[in-house]
Amino acid sequence: MFLYIAIALGRIRNIRHLFVDMKVSLGIAGVALVTLSVWSSVGIFSYMKIPTTLIIFEVIPFLVLAVGV
């Protein structure tokens, strides 16, 4: 999936600028940001003793990714 997004968004001008042109780091950073935000929100709510459900791990990452993009 990362490879498809990188090729679709990027334009390769030079082999030295491959990762900049293909935007691989942008895709990885976006997914990492979503993962870290979900885990931090789960940690905050667990600290406040609010029980977590399975929907948090199944639905919320996709919602955060859709809103973030």
PDB file of N, CA and C in Angstrom:
ATOM      1  N   MET A   1       0.822  -1.190   0.000  1.00  0.00           N
ATOM      2  CA  MET A   1       0.000   0.000   0.000  1.00  0.00           C
ATOM      3  C   MET A   1       0.870   1.259   0.000  1.00  0.00           C
ATOM      4  N   PHE A   2       1.921   1.254   0.826  1.00  0.00           N
ATOM      5  CA  PHE A   2       2.822   2.408   0.853  1.00  0.00           C
ATOM      6  C   PHE A   2       3.474   2.630  -0.514  1.00  0.00           C
ATOM      7  N   LEU A   3       3.844   1.548  -1.159  1.00  0.00           N
ATOM      8  CA  LEU A   3       4.498   1.666  -2.459  1.00  0.00           C
ATOM      9  C   LEU A   3       3.557   2.279  -3.497  1.00  0.00           C
ATOM     10  N   TYR A   4       2.310   1.854  -3.499  1.00  0.00           N
ATOM     11  CA  TYR A   4       1.339   2.410  -4.443  1.00  0.00           C
ATOM     12  C   TYR A   4       1.125   3.899  -4.200  1.00  0.00           C
ATOM     13  N   ILE A   5       0.957   4.287  -2.936  1.00  0.00           N
ATOM     14  CA  ILE A   5       0.746   5.698  -2.602  1.00  0.00           C
ATOM     15  C   ILE A   5       1.980   6.518  -2.966  1.00  0.00           C
ATOM     16  N   ALA A   6       3.141   5.969  -2.687  1.00  0.00           N
ATOM     17  CA  ALA A   6       4.376   6.696  -2.979  1.00  0.00           C
ATOM     18  C   ALA A   6       4.556   6.918  -4.475  1.00  0.00           C
ATOM     19  N   ILE A   7       4.240   5.908  -5.265  1.00  0.00           N
ATOM     20  CA  ILE A   7       4.383   6.054  -6.713  1.00  0.00           C
ATOM     21  C   ILE A   7       3.307   6.977  -7.276  1.00  0.00           C
ATOM     22  N   ALA A   8       2.088   6.878  -6.749  1.00  0.00           N
ATOM     23  CA  ALA A   8       0.997   7.705  -7.257  1.00  0.00           C
ATOM     24  C   ALA A   8       1.196   9.183  -6.922  1.00  0.00           C
ATOM     25  N   LEU A   9       1.729   9.481  -5.749  1.00  0.00           N
ATOM     26  CA  LEU A   9       1.895  10.873  -5.339  1.00  0.00           C
ATOM     27  C   LEU A   9       3.204  11.491  -5.804  1.00  0.00           C
ATOM     28  N   GLY A  10       4.193  10.685  -6.032  1.00  0.00           N
ATOM     29  CA  GLY A  10       5.522  11.235  -6.287  1.00  0.00           C
ATOM     30  C   GLY A  10       5.911  11.266  -7.751  1.00  0.00           C
ATOM     31  N   ARG A  11       6.922  12.028  -8.002  1.00  0.00           N
ATOM     32  CA  ARG A  11       7.533  12.109  -9.321  1.00  0.00           C
ATOM     33  C   ARG A  11       9.043  11.907  -9.129  1.00  0.00           C
ATOM     34  N   ILE A  12       9.597  10.944  -9.805  1.00  0.00           N
ATOM     35  CA  ILE A  12      11.013  10.629  -9.639  1.00  0.00           C
ATOM     36  C   ILE A  12      11.816  11.470 -10.631  1.00  0.00           C
ATOM     37  N   ARG A  13      12.615  12.381 -10.097  1.00  0.00           N
ATOM     38  CA  ARG A  13      13.486  13.209 -10.926  1.00  0.00           C
ATOM     39  C   ARG A  13      14.914  12.701 -10.910  1.00  0.00           C
ATOM     40  N   ASN A  14      15.357  12.247  -9.731  1.00  0.00           N
ATOM     41  CA  ASN A  14      16.745  11.871  -9.559  1.00  0.00           C
ATOM     42  C   ASN A  14      16.791  10.737  -8.546  1.00  0.00           C
ATOM     43  N   ILE A  15      17.700   9.802  -8.720  1.00  0.00           N
ATOM     44  CA  ILE A  15      17.800   8.673  -7.799  1.00  0.00           C
ATOM     45  C   ILE A  15      18.254   9.117  -6.412  1.00  0.00           C
ATOM     46  N   ARG A  16      18.979  10.245  -6.335  1.00  0.00           N
ATOM     47  CA  ARG A  16      19.435  10.739  -5.035  1.00  0.00           C
ATOM     48  C   ARG A  16      18.280  11.286  -4.210  1.00  0.00           C
ATOM     49  N   HIS A  17      17.224  11.738  -4.866  1.00  0.00           N
ATOM     50  CA  HIS A  17      16.067  12.307  -4.178  1.00  0.00           C
ATOM     51  C   HIS A  17      14.870  11.359  -4.233  1.00  0.00           C
ATOM     52  N   LEU A  18      15.140  10.069  -4.251  1.00  0.00           N
ATOM     53  CA  LEU A  18      14.088   9.079  -4.433  1.00  0.00           C
ATOM     54  C   LEU A  18      13.046   9.135  -3.327  1.00  0.00           C
ATOM     55  N   PHE A  19      13.472   9.148  -2.058  1.00  0.00           N
ATOM     56  CA  PHE A  19      12.519   9.128  -0.957  1.00  0.00           C
ATOM     57  C   PHE A  19      11.774  10.449  -0.812  1.00  0.00           C
ATOM     58  N   VAL A  20      12.388  11.525  -1.201  1.00  0.00           N
ATOM     59  CA  VAL A  20      11.717  12.820  -1.148  1.00  0.00           C
ATOM     60  C   VAL A  20      10.675  12.913  -2.251  1.00  0.00           C
ATOM     61  N   ASP A  21      11.034  12.479  -3.441  1.00  0.00           N
ATOM     62  CA  ASP A  21      10.129  12.574  -4.577  1.00  0.00           C
ATOM     63  C   ASP A  21       8.966  11.598  -4.478  1.00  0.00           C
ATOM     64  N   MET A  22       9.190  10.417  -3.924  1.00  0.00           N
ATOM     65  CA  MET A  22       8.130   9.419  -3.864  1.00  0.00           C
ATOM     66  C   MET A  22       7.227   9.595  -2.655  1.00  0.00           C
ATOM     67  N   LYS A  23       7.595  10.437  -1.740  1.00  0.00           N
ATOM     68  CA  LYS A  23       6.801  10.753  -0.564  1.00  0.00           C
ATOM     69  C   LYS A  23       6.544   9.530   0.337  1.00  0.00           C
ATOM     70  N   VAL A  24       7.527   8.628   0.401  1.00  0.00           N
ATOM     71  CA  VAL A  24       7.424   7.470   1.276  1.00  0.00           C
ATOM     72  C   VAL A  24       7.417   7.911   2.729  1.00  0.00           C
ATOM     73  N   SER A  25       8.287   8.846   3.047  1.00  0.00           N
ATOM     74  CA  SER A  25       8.360   9.306   4.436  1.00  0.00           C
ATOM     75  C   SER A  25       7.076  10.009   4.850  1.00  0.00           C
ATOM     76  N   LEU A  26       6.407  10.674   3.935  1.00  0.00           N
ATOM     77  CA  LEU A  26       5.139  11.324   4.249  1.00  0.00           C
ATOM     78  C   LEU A  26       4.058  10.298   4.577  1.00  0.00           C
ATOM     79  N   GLY A  27       4.000   9.220   3.823  1.00  0.00           N
ATOM     80  CA  GLY A  27       3.031   8.165   4.099  1.00  0.00           C
ATOM     81  C   GLY A  27       3.297   7.457   5.414  1.00  0.00           C
ATOM     82  N   ILE A  28       4.552   7.162   5.684  1.00  0.00           N
ATOM     83  CA  ILE A  28       4.914   6.501   6.939  1.00  0.00           C
ATOM     84  C   ILE A  28       4.635   7.413   8.123  1.00  0.00           C
ATOM     85  N   ALA A  29       4.940   8.692   7.986  1.00  0.00           N
ATOM     86  CA  ALA A  29       4.686   9.638   9.073  1.00  0.00           C
ATOM     87  C   ALA A  29       3.193   9.784   9.336  1.00  0.00           C
ATOM     88  N   GLY A  30       2.376   9.764   8.297  1.00  0.00           N
ATOM     89  CA  GLY A  30       0.929   9.862   8.485  1.00  0.00           C
ATOM     90  C   GLY A  30       0.362   8.675   9.238  1.00  0.00           C
ATOM     91  N   VAL A  31       0.780   7.483   8.875  1.00  0.00           N
ATOM     92  CA  VAL A  31       0.304   6.284   9.565  1.00  0.00           C
ATOM     93  C   VAL A  31       0.846   6.233  10.986  1.00  0.00           C
ATOM     94  N   ALA A  32       2.090   6.639  11.187  1.00  0.00           N
ATOM     95  CA  ALA A  32       2.662   6.662  12.538  1.00  0.00           C
ATOM     96  C   ALA A  32       1.938   7.666  13.423  1.00  0.00           C
ATOM     97  N   LEU A  33       1.564   8.798  12.860  1.00  0.00           N
ATOM     98  CA  LEU A  33       0.834   9.805  13.627  1.00  0.00           C
ATOM     99  C   LEU A  33      -0.527   9.289  14.071  1.00  0.00           C
ATOM    100  N   VAL A  34      -1.221   8.584  13.196  1.00  0.00           N
ATOM    101  CA  VAL A  34      -2.515   8.000  13.555  1.00  0.00           C
ATOM    102  C   VAL A  34      -2.338   6.952  14.645  1.00  0.00           C
ATOM    103  N   THR A  35      -1.332   6.105  14.506  1.00  0.00           N
ATOM    104  CA  THR A  35      -1.085   5.062  15.506  1.00  0.00           C
ATOM    105  C   THR A  35      -0.755   5.662  16.864  1.00  0.00           C
ATOM    106  N   LEU A  36       0.105   6.648  16.882  1.00  0.00           N
ATOM    107  CA  LEU A  36       0.476   7.275  18.154  1.00  0.00           C
ATOM    108  C   LEU A  36      -0.689   8.022  18.785  1.00  0.00           C
ATOM    109  N   SER A  37      -1.535   8.642  17.985  1.00  0.00           N
ATOM    110  CA  SER A  37      -2.672   9.364  18.560  1.00  0.00           C
ATOM    111  C   SER A  37      -3.690   8.409  19.166  1.00  0.00           C
ATOM    112  N   VAL A  38      -3.932   7.275  18.519  1.00  0.00           N
ATOM    113  CA  VAL A  38      -4.869   6.294  19.082  1.00  0.00           C
ATOM    114  C   VAL A  38      -4.313   5.709  20.369  1.00  0.00           C
ATOM    115  N   TRP A  39      -3.025   5.359  20.367  1.00  0.00           N
ATOM    116  CA  TRP A  39      -2.434   4.784  21.577  1.00  0.00           C
ATOM    117  C   TRP A  39      -2.377   5.796  22.721  1.00  0.00           C
ATOM    118  N   SER A  40      -2.124   7.044  22.424  1.00  0.00           N
ATOM    119  CA  SER A  40      -2.094   8.041  23.499  1.00  0.00           C
ATOM    120  C   SER A  40      -3.484   8.290  24.057  1.00  0.00           C
ATOM    121  N   SER A  41      -4.499   8.290  23.216  1.00  0.00           N
ATOM    122  CA  SER A  41      -5.858   8.469  23.734  1.00  0.00           C
ATOM    123  C   SER A  41      -6.296   7.264  24.565  1.00  0.00           C
ATOM    124  N   VAL A  42      -5.918   6.068  24.150  1.00  0.00           N
ATOM    125  CA  VAL A  42      -6.219   4.878  24.958  1.00  0.00           C
ATOM    126  C   VAL A  42      -5.496   4.961  26.296  1.00  0.00           C
ATOM    127  N   GLY A  43      -4.265   5.413  26.293  1.00  0.00           N
ATOM    128  CA  GLY A  43      -3.516   5.555  27.539  1.00  0.00           C
ATOM    129  C   GLY A  43      -4.119   6.584  28.478  1.00  0.00           C
ATOM    130  N   ILE A  44      -4.565   7.701  27.935  1.00  0.00           N
ATOM    131  CA  ILE A  44      -5.184   8.740  28.768  1.00  0.00           C
ATOM    132  C   ILE A  44      -6.479   8.238  29.383  1.00  0.00           C
ATOM    133  N   PHE A  45      -7.310   7.581  28.575  1.00  0.00           N
ATOM    134  CA  PHE A  45      -8.575   7.081  29.109  1.00  0.00           C
ATOM    135  C   PHE A  45      -8.368   5.916  30.068  1.00  0.00           C
ATOM    136  N   SER A  46      -7.345   5.116  29.859  1.00  0.00           N
ATOM    137  CA  SER A  46      -7.037   4.046  30.811  1.00  0.00           C
ATOM    138  C   SER A  46      -6.541   4.621  32.130  1.00  0.00           C
ATOM    139  N   TYR A  47      -5.805   5.703  32.068  1.00  0.00           N
ATOM    140  CA  TYR A  47      -5.342   6.365  33.285  1.00  0.00           C
ATOM    141  C   TYR A  47      -6.516   6.909  34.091  1.00  0.00           C
ATOM    142  N   MET A  48      -7.570   7.348  33.408  1.00  0.00           N
ATOM    143  CA  MET A  48      -8.763   7.862  34.085  1.00  0.00           C
ATOM    144  C   MET A  48      -9.738   6.752  34.452  1.00  0.00           C
ATOM    145  N   LYS A  49      -9.339   5.498  34.283  1.00  0.00           N
ATOM    146  CA  LYS A  49     -10.120   4.306  34.632  1.00  0.00           C
ATOM    147  C   LYS A  49     -11.404   4.178  33.817  1.00  0.00           C
ATOM    148  N   ILE A  50     -11.379   4.640  32.583  1.00  0.00           N
ATOM    149  CA  ILE A  50     -12.513   4.468  31.683  1.00  0.00           C
ATOM    150  C   ILE A  50     -12.275   3.179  30.902  1.00  0.00           C
ATOM    151  N   PRO A  51     -13.221   2.245  30.942  1.00  0.00           N
ATOM    152  CA  PRO A  51     -12.987   0.963  30.270  1.00  0.00           C
ATOM    153  C   PRO A  51     -12.947   1.118  28.745  1.00  0.00           C
ATOM    154  N   THR A  52     -12.096   0.334  28.119  1.00  0.00           N
ATOM    155  CA  THR A  52     -11.987   0.366  26.661  1.00  0.00           C
ATOM    156  C   THR A  52     -12.788  -0.783  26.060  1.00  0.00           C
ATOM    157  N   THR A  53     -13.270  -0.565  24.874  1.00  0.00           N
ATOM    158  CA  THR A  53     -14.006  -1.599  24.155  1.00  0.00           C
ATOM    159  C   THR A  53     -13.235  -1.974  22.899  1.00  0.00           C
ATOM    160  N   LEU A  54     -13.708  -2.993  22.238  1.00  0.00           N
ATOM    161  CA  LEU A  54     -13.039  -3.461  21.032  1.00  0.00           C
ATOM    162  C   LEU A  54     -13.206  -2.484  19.875  1.00  0.00           C
ATOM    163  N   ILE A  55     -14.251  -1.670  19.912  1.00  0.00           N
ATOM    164  CA  ILE A  55     -14.493  -0.713  18.829  1.00  0.00           C
ATOM    165  C   ILE A  55     -13.390   0.341  18.748  1.00  0.00           C
ATOM    166  N   ILE A  56     -12.739   0.609  19.860  1.00  0.00           N
ATOM    167  CA  ILE A  56     -11.652   1.595  19.856  1.00  0.00           C
ATOM    168  C   ILE A  56     -10.521   1.136  18.945  1.00  0.00           C
ATOM    169  N   PHE A  57     -10.212  -0.131  18.987  1.00  0.00           N
ATOM    170  CA  PHE A  57      -9.096  -0.634  18.190  1.00  0.00           C
ATOM    171  C   PHE A  57      -9.500  -1.001  16.763  1.00  0.00           C
ATOM    172  N   GLU A  58     -10.807  -1.159  16.504  1.00  0.00           N
ATOM    173  CA  GLU A  58     -11.252  -1.540  15.169  1.00  0.00           C
ATOM    174  C   GLU A  58     -11.710  -0.363  14.320  1.00  0.00           C
ATOM    175  N   VAL A  59     -12.367   0.617  14.918  1.00  0.00           N
ATOM    176  CA  VAL A  59     -13.000   1.683  14.146  1.00  0.00           C
ATOM    177  C   VAL A  59     -12.255   3.008  14.258  1.00  0.00           C
ATOM    178  N   ILE A  60     -11.826   3.358  15.442  1.00  0.00           N
ATOM    179  CA  ILE A  60     -11.235   4.673  15.680  1.00  0.00           C
ATOM    180  C   ILE A  60     -10.002   4.945  14.808  1.00  0.00           C
ATOM    181  N   PRO A  61      -9.080   3.992  14.590  1.00  0.00           N
ATOM    182  CA  PRO A  61      -7.938   4.318  13.715  1.00  0.00           C
ATOM    183  C   PRO A  61      -8.347   4.731  12.303  1.00  0.00           C
ATOM    184  N   PHE A  62      -9.372   4.102  11.755  1.00  0.00           N
ATOM    185  CA  PHE A  62      -9.823   4.469  10.416  1.00  0.00           C
ATOM    186  C   PHE A  62     -10.497   5.834  10.413  1.00  0.00           C
ATOM    187  N   LEU A  63     -11.240   6.146  11.466  1.00  0.00           N
ATOM    188  CA  LEU A  63     -11.849   7.474  11.558  1.00  0.00           C
ATOM    189  C   LEU A  63     -10.786   8.558  11.698  1.00  0.00           C
ATOM    190  N   VAL A  64      -9.791   8.303  12.520  1.00  0.00           N
ATOM    191  CA  VAL A  64      -8.714   9.281  12.697  1.00  0.00           C
ATOM    192  C   VAL A  64      -7.941   9.459  11.392  1.00  0.00           C
ATOM    193  N   LEU A  65      -7.700   8.384  10.679  1.00  0.00           N
ATOM    194  CA  LEU A  65      -6.994   8.470   9.404  1.00  0.00           C
ATOM    195  C   LEU A  65      -7.817   9.227   8.368  1.00  0.00           C
ATOM    196  N   ALA A  66      -9.125   8.993   8.337  1.00  0.00           N
ATOM    197  CA  ALA A  66      -9.982   9.685   7.367  1.00  0.00           C
ATOM    198  C   ALA A  66     -10.083  11.174   7.677  1.00  0.00           C
ATOM    199  N   VAL A  67     -10.215  11.535   8.936  1.00  0.00           N
ATOM    200  CA  VAL A  67     -10.306  12.945   9.313  1.00  0.00           C
ATOM    201  C   VAL A  67      -8.955  13.623   9.143  1.00  0.00           C
ATOM    202  N   GLY A  68      -7.888  12.922   9.460  1.00  0.00           N
ATOM    203  CA  GLY A  68      -6.559  13.502   9.349  1.00  0.00           C
ATOM    204  C   GLY A  68      -6.120  13.740   7.920  1.00  0.00           C
ATOM    205  N   VAL A  69      -6.579  12.918   7.025  1.00  0.00           N
ATOM    206  CA  VAL A  69      -6.189  13.071   5.619  1.00  0.00           C
ATOM    207  C   VAL A  69      -7.121  14.033   4.950  1.00  0.00           C
TER     208      VAL A  69
END
